[in-house]
Every structure is written in C-alpha cells, then in structure tokens.
Amino acid sequence: MLHGWGISTEPYQEVLELLAQHHTIIAPDLPSFARSSYSGLIPDYVSYSKFLLSFLSALDLQQFHLVGHSFGGGIAITLCTLVPQKVRSVILIDSTGIPTPSIPEMIPRRAIEMTAQLFLPRLRLKLVDIPLVFSYNLLFNTKNVIQGLLISLYEDISHLLPKIQAPCLLVWSEKDLTTPLDFHASSLRSHL
C-alpha cells in the first residue's frame, strides 16, 4: 500500500487493519515522509520506485499486489513497469501520473476539497490524524513535500500505462477535485 502525497500510512490505519484480517499488508512510509529517516531530495517516480524495490528486495518478496493512492498511484504505475514479473495486480485510487492543471488552478480546487472533507465521518481522522501528519511532513520534510507536489502535478507517466501487464483496477471518486477523473478519463482510455 503506497500512501498519497504529503502524508504517511497513519491516516490509512483503519483500512489497513481491516485488510490485514485477511491479507499480509506492507504499508511503508515513503522515503522522507513521516517516520522515514531518509532526508535527500527525491526527484521523480522512478527514484521512489527504486527505493521501494530495494525495500521489497530486502523483504525477499518475489511477487506482490500493489495499491497506490494519489501520489502512491504514480509510484505504483512506475513499479509495474520496472518489475512486471513481480506485480500480480495493481489498484490505482485517484492516481497521479497524468499532468493536472497548473498550481494556480489546483489551489482553489484543493481548498474546496479540503473544506468538503470536514463534513465526512471520522472526526479524528480529518481533524487530527491527517493535519498532524501533513504538518509534520511540511515542517520537517519540506523539500520533498514540495517536490512530491511538483511530481504529482507535472510528471507525465501516461506512456507507462500500456506497459502495465498485471490486472489493474481504477478506483476514482467523483468528488475528487485535485485529480478529477473527467480530466484524466480521455488519457486513461487511450493508454489502458
């Protein structure tokens, strides 16, 4: 399980615990986020993928399923093409990897989306867990939070989509304003 931009696996704990009742789950904090001790600048999806390949190699995993949310989806797409023989399936949830509108266009969308999230259930998640993790990353991992945002918004890996050999499930919220499906739909259809 690869988490989204600017956070860590912490906000996913409830879902991860439910999945762990039936599956072995590995959900690392991406390099330079939250509990990771890595402090170098990570320039692109390939570099994140190579970190994860080293991690998976240390665990001696021969095959695995991938779930990538948002920024983690872009990394999952890249991993699928680097080691296709190891990826049994991939689930992309509101994935990045296809350039989105510019930062000036994105900021109001994200502000609306974050405000709307205040009306979701799970009060602790939205008012404590996510803000704490994001604030920590922004304060202590600033350069990779900003670099991750730039990767998410501008790195185009749509050319990798046809190279995914594993079964792939796309999960998208119709309420996702940051990476809206209607913006990505034509690109996804032409590449998958």
Protein backbone atom coordinates (compact mmCIF):
# COMPACT_ATOMS: atom_id res chain seq x y z
CA MET A 1 0.00 0.00 0.00
CA LEU A 2 1.54 3.27 -1.15
CA HIS A 3 0.16 6.39 0.52
CA GLY A 4 -0.75 9.72 -1.01
CA TRP A 5 1.16 12.97 -1.25
CA GLY A 6 2.18 14.87 1.86
CA ILE A 7 1.06 12.29 4.41
CA SER A 8 2.05 8.79 5.53
CA THR A 9 0.37 5.46 6.21
CA GLU A 10 -1.01 6.79 9.51
CA PRO A 11 -4.37 8.07 8.15
CA TYR A 12 -4.96 4.69 6.45
CA GLN A 13 -4.65 2.63 9.66
CA GLU A 14 -8.32 1.71 9.97
CA VAL A 15 -8.49 0.39 6.41
CA LEU A 16 -5.11 -1.33 6.72
CA GLU A 17 -6.22 -3.11 9.90
CA LEU A 18 -9.38 -4.37 8.15
CA LEU A 19 -7.35 -5.63 5.17
CA ALA A 20 -4.79 -7.23 7.50
CA GLN A 21 -7.51 -9.51 8.87
CA HIS A 22 -7.36 -11.42 5.57
CA HIS A 23 -4.10 -10.41 3.87
CA THR A 24 -0.50 -9.65 4.67
CA ILE A 25 -0.18 -5.89 4.34
CA ILE A 26 3.01 -3.91 3.87
CA ALA A 27 2.44 -0.18 4.08
CA PRO A 28 5.71 1.74 4.32
CA ASP A 29 6.03 5.45 4.82
CA LEU A 30 7.57 6.65 1.57
CA PRO A 31 11.19 7.83 1.80
CA SER A 32 11.47 11.23 3.54
CA PHE A 33 7.87 11.19 4.80
CA ALA A 34 6.75 10.76 8.44
CA ARG A 35 8.76 8.01 10.15
CA SER A 36 11.22 7.54 7.28
CA SER A 37 14.71 8.73 8.16
CA TYR A 38 15.73 9.47 4.56
CA SER A 39 16.37 13.18 4.04
CA GLY A 40 17.62 13.51 0.45
CA LEU A 41 15.61 15.11 -2.34
CA ILE A 42 13.75 12.54 -4.45
CA PRO A 43 13.29 13.87 -8.00
CA ASP A 44 10.73 11.57 -9.65
CA TYR A 45 8.52 8.47 -9.62
CA VAL A 46 11.38 6.26 -10.81
CA SER A 47 13.55 7.22 -7.83
CA TYR A 48 10.71 6.48 -5.39
CA SER A 49 10.16 3.17 -7.17
CA LYS A 50 13.82 2.21 -6.88
CA PHE A 51 13.73 2.90 -3.13
CA LEU A 52 10.72 0.61 -2.85
CA LEU A 53 12.37 -2.07 -4.98
CA SER A 54 15.31 -2.10 -2.56
CA PHE A 55 12.86 -2.38 0.33
CA LEU A 56 10.93 -5.23 -1.33
CA SER A 57 14.19 -6.98 -2.18
CA ALA A 58 15.26 -6.79 1.48
CA LEU A 59 11.94 -8.44 2.36
CA ASP A 60 12.64 -11.07 -0.33
CA LEU A 61 9.21 -10.64 -1.90
CA GLN A 62 9.03 -12.43 -5.21
CA GLN A 63 5.51 -11.26 -6.10
CA PHE A 64 3.08 -8.76 -4.64
CA HIS A 65 -0.10 -6.81 -5.23
CA LEU A 66 0.10 -3.01 -5.29
CA VAL A 67 -2.36 -0.41 -4.08
CA GLY A 68 -1.42 3.19 -4.79
CA HIS A 69 -3.43 6.18 -3.63
CA SER A 70 -2.87 9.54 -5.34
CA PHE A 71 0.92 10.10 -5.36
CA GLY A 72 1.37 6.43 -4.43
CA GLY A 73 -0.55 5.55 -7.61
CA GLY A 74 2.07 7.23 -9.77
CA ILE A 75 4.74 5.23 -7.97
CA ALA A 76 2.70 2.03 -8.39
CA ILE A 77 2.39 2.63 -12.14
CA THR A 78 6.16 3.04 -12.37
CA LEU A 79 6.84 -0.06 -10.25
CA CYS A 80 4.57 -2.10 -12.53
CA THR A 81 6.78 -1.28 -15.49
CA LEU A 82 10.11 -1.75 -13.71
CA VAL A 83 9.35 -5.26 -12.40
CA PRO A 84 6.30 -6.52 -14.31
CA GLN A 85 7.04 -10.14 -13.40
CA LYS A 86 6.66 -9.34 -9.68
CA VAL A 87 3.41 -7.35 -9.76
CA ARG A 88 0.39 -9.67 -9.56
CA SER A 89 -2.20 -6.87 -9.64
CA VAL A 90 -2.48 -3.13 -9.12
CA ILE A 91 -5.21 -0.91 -7.74
CA LEU A 92 -4.92 2.78 -8.53
CA ILE A 93 -7.00 5.08 -6.32
CA ASP A 94 -7.33 8.68 -7.56
CA SER A 95 -3.86 8.22 -9.03
CA THR A 96 -1.43 10.86 -10.17
CA GLY A 97 0.86 10.38 -13.16
CA ILE A 98 -1.05 12.31 -15.79
CA PRO A 99 -0.36 16.04 -15.55
CA THR A 100 -3.16 18.05 -13.99
CA PRO A 101 -3.99 21.74 -14.18
CA SER A 102 -1.39 24.24 -13.02
CA ILE A 103 -0.74 25.04 -9.36
CA PRO A 104 -2.78 28.29 -9.55
CA GLU A 105 -5.73 26.25 -10.87
CA MET A 106 -5.17 23.46 -8.36
CA ILE A 107 -5.01 25.56 -5.15
CA PRO A 108 -8.70 26.61 -5.19
CA ARG A 109 -9.77 23.07 -6.10
CA ARG A 110 -7.78 21.62 -3.21
CA ALA A 111 -9.13 24.29 -0.82
CA ILE A 112 -12.71 23.37 -1.78
CA GLU A 113 -11.92 19.67 -1.44
CA MET A 114 -10.30 20.08 1.99
CA THR A 115 -13.25 22.14 3.21
CA ALA A 116 -15.68 19.47 1.96
CA GLN A 117 -13.68 16.79 3.78
CA LEU A 118 -14.62 18.44 7.07
CA PHE A 119 -18.15 17.08 6.57
CA LEU A 120 -17.02 13.48 6.22
CA PRO A 121 -17.34 10.99 9.09
CA ARG A 122 -14.28 10.02 11.16
CA LEU A 123 -13.77 13.23 13.09
CA ARG A 124 -10.38 12.18 14.48
CA LEU A 125 -9.07 11.28 11.01
CA LYS A 126 -9.98 14.59 9.41
CA LEU A 127 -9.26 16.91 12.33
CA VAL A 128 -6.29 15.20 13.98
CA ASP A 129 -4.58 12.40 12.05
CA ILE A 130 -4.28 13.93 8.58
CA PRO A 131 -3.46 17.51 9.74
CA LEU A 132 -0.82 16.25 12.19
CA VAL A 133 0.94 14.05 9.64
CA PHE A 134 0.76 16.68 6.90
CA SER A 135 2.00 19.42 9.25
CA TYR A 136 4.87 17.22 10.40
CA ASN A 137 5.89 16.46 6.82
CA LEU A 138 5.56 20.08 5.78
CA LEU A 139 7.75 21.24 8.69
CA PHE A 140 10.39 18.50 8.65
CA ASN A 141 10.32 17.22 5.06
CA THR A 142 9.50 20.48 3.28
CA LYS A 143 11.66 19.95 0.20
CA ASN A 144 10.18 16.53 -0.60
CA VAL A 145 6.62 17.67 0.16
CA ILE A 146 7.09 20.43 -2.43
CA GLN A 147 8.96 18.14 -4.84
CA GLY A 148 6.24 15.50 -4.44
CA LEU A 149 3.60 18.08 -5.30
CA LEU A 150 5.52 19.07 -8.44
CA ILE A 151 5.94 15.41 -9.43
CA SER A 152 2.22 14.81 -8.86
CA LEU A 153 1.17 17.80 -10.91
CA TYR A 154 3.65 17.72 -13.77
CA GLU A 155 5.38 14.37 -14.26
CA ASP A 156 3.62 12.63 -17.12
CA ILE A 157 3.93 8.86 -16.96
CA SER A 158 0.86 8.15 -19.10
CA HIS A 159 3.20 6.48 -21.63
CA LEU A 160 3.78 3.76 -19.00
CA LEU A 161 0.10 2.80 -18.73
CA PRO A 162 0.09 0.45 -21.76
CA LYS A 163 3.13 -1.34 -20.28
CA ILE A 164 1.22 -2.47 -17.17
CA GLN A 165 0.91 -6.23 -17.58
CA ALA A 166 -0.88 -7.02 -14.32
CA PRO A 167 -4.65 -6.79 -13.89
CA CYS A 168 -5.45 -3.20 -12.97
CA LEU A 169 -8.42 -1.73 -11.12
CA LEU A 170 -9.03 2.02 -11.25
CA VAL A 171 -10.91 3.50 -8.30
CA TRP A 172 -11.87 7.14 -8.53
CA SER A 173 -14.13 9.41 -6.53
CA GLU A 174 -16.47 11.58 -8.50
CA LYS A 175 -15.84 14.19 -5.79
CA ASP A 176 -12.07 14.27 -6.34
CA LEU A 177 -11.28 17.84 -7.34
CA THR A 178 -7.49 17.52 -7.05
CA THR A 179 -7.13 14.72 -9.60
CA PRO A 180 -10.59 14.74 -11.25
CA LEU A 181 -11.48 11.70 -13.30
CA ASP A 182 -13.02 13.76 -16.10
CA PHE A 183 -9.67 15.46 -16.58
CA HIS A 184 -7.87 12.09 -16.80
CA ALA A 185 -10.55 9.96 -18.49
CA SER A 186 -9.50 10.52 -22.10
CA SER A 187 -5.83 9.90 -21.29
CA LEU A 188 -6.65 6.75 -19.32
CA ARG A 189 -8.89 5.38 -22.07
CA SER A 190 -6.28 5.96 -24.74
CA HIS A 191 -3.49 4.31 -22.74
CA LEU A 192 -5.12 1.35 -21.00
